[in-house]
Amino acid sequence: MLILVIKKRFEDHLKHLVEYDNITREEYLNIARELLAADLSEDVEGFISVQGWLFKYRKSTNDFAMGHPKGTISTLFKPKKKYDYYLGEKEKYK
């Protein structure tokens, strides 16, 4: 059942592929994996919510990713409000 939920969740987020010039599913996953694994820096900010979700934002590319506490990718997209979106998430969930 968990695999079906994760697969459905992934399918729901494929709409974001157009934000990345219609890259492949694998490329989309790799961008999310790399961002979620990236060390914090001047370019990459992140935090873990009280519920254990990992939030990361890369300023240079306007990429926002979330990771589930069980280690799966929840989403990757380019927020319209850019860095302000990340700051809003941080304020709500940290």
Protein backbone atom coordinates (compact mmCIF):
# COMPACT_ATOMS: atom_id res chain seq x y z
CA MET A 1 0.00 0.00 0.00
CA LEU A 2 2.81 2.45 0.88
CA ILE A 3 4.42 1.88 -2.53
CA LEU A 4 1.11 2.73 -4.24
CA VAL A 5 0.77 5.91 -2.21
CA ILE A 6 4.35 6.96 -2.98
CA LYS A 7 3.88 6.16 -6.68
CA LYS A 8 0.64 8.15 -6.81
CA ARG A 9 2.31 11.05 -4.99
CA PHE A 10 5.16 10.95 -7.52
CA GLU A 11 2.71 10.87 -10.43
CA ASP A 12 0.92 13.90 -8.93
CA HIS A 13 4.17 15.87 -9.01
CA LEU A 14 5.12 15.05 -12.59
CA LYS A 15 3.24 18.22 -13.58
CA HIS A 16 6.38 20.02 -12.40
CA LEU A 17 8.45 18.52 -15.22
CA VAL A 18 7.47 21.45 -17.47
CA GLU A 19 9.18 23.79 -14.98
CA TYR A 20 12.39 21.95 -15.90
CA ASP A 21 12.09 22.13 -19.69
CA ASN A 22 10.34 18.75 -19.81
CA ILE A 23 13.21 16.70 -18.43
CA THR A 24 12.79 12.97 -17.92
CA ARG A 25 11.34 11.44 -14.77
CA GLU A 26 14.77 10.13 -13.83
CA GLU A 27 16.37 13.56 -14.26
CA TYR A 28 13.62 15.07 -12.09
CA LEU A 29 14.30 12.49 -9.38
CA ASN A 30 18.04 13.09 -9.58
CA ILE A 31 17.63 16.85 -9.10
CA ALA A 32 15.45 16.19 -6.05
CA ARG A 33 17.88 13.60 -4.64
CA GLU A 34 20.87 15.88 -5.13
CA LEU A 35 19.15 18.85 -3.50
CA LEU A 36 17.89 16.84 -0.53
CA ALA A 37 21.41 15.41 -0.03
CA ALA A 38 23.20 18.75 -0.52
CA ASP A 39 25.09 20.32 2.35
CA LEU A 40 23.79 23.64 3.59
CA SER A 41 25.66 26.60 2.10
CA GLU A 42 25.24 30.16 0.86
CA ASP A 43 23.20 28.68 -2.01
CA VAL A 44 21.31 25.86 -0.25
CA GLU A 45 19.16 26.42 2.80
CA GLY A 46 17.20 23.81 4.67
CA PHE A 47 15.60 22.63 7.86
CA ILE A 48 13.80 19.65 9.37
CA SER A 49 10.26 20.24 10.56
CA VAL A 50 8.93 19.19 13.96
CA GLN A 51 7.28 16.24 12.16
CA GLY A 52 10.61 15.18 10.62
CA TRP A 53 10.12 16.44 7.05
CA LEU A 54 13.25 17.73 5.29
CA PHE A 55 12.86 21.05 3.46
CA LYS A 56 15.58 22.33 1.10
CA TYR A 57 15.80 25.35 -1.18
CA ARG A 58 18.52 26.16 -3.75
CA LYS A 59 18.64 29.90 -4.41
CA SER A 60 20.61 29.78 -7.67
CA THR A 61 18.09 27.53 -9.43
CA ASN A 62 14.92 28.32 -7.44
CA ASP A 63 14.45 24.63 -6.62
CA PHE A 64 12.38 23.64 -3.60
CA ALA A 65 12.31 20.03 -2.42
CA MET A 66 10.75 18.16 0.45
CA GLY A 67 11.72 14.77 1.78
CA HIS A 68 9.45 12.48 3.79
CA PRO A 69 10.69 11.36 7.22
CA LYS A 70 10.95 7.79 5.85
CA GLY A 71 13.52 8.95 3.31
CA THR A 72 11.36 9.28 0.20
CA ILE A 73 11.05 12.34 -2.02
CA SER A 74 7.83 14.24 -1.50
CA THR A 75 8.19 16.98 -4.11
CA LEU A 76 10.47 19.14 -6.21
CA PHE A 77 9.36 22.33 -7.92
CA LYS A 78 10.20 25.95 -8.69
CA PRO A 79 8.01 28.11 -6.45
CA LYS A 80 6.49 31.19 -8.07
CA LYS A 81 7.29 33.27 -4.98
CA LYS A 82 10.88 31.98 -5.08
CA TYR A 83 12.88 32.46 -1.86
CA ASP A 84 9.88 34.03 -0.12
CA TYR A 85 8.05 30.71 -0.56
CA TYR A 86 10.83 28.86 1.26
CA LEU A 87 10.85 31.44 4.05
CA GLY A 88 7.08 31.04 4.43
CA GLU A 89 7.43 27.26 4.70
CA LYS A 90 10.19 27.68 7.24
CA GLU A 91 8.03 29.99 9.33
CA LYS A 92 5.07 27.57 9.19
CA TYR A 93 6.87 24.27 9.81
CA LYS A 94 10.09 24.83 11.75
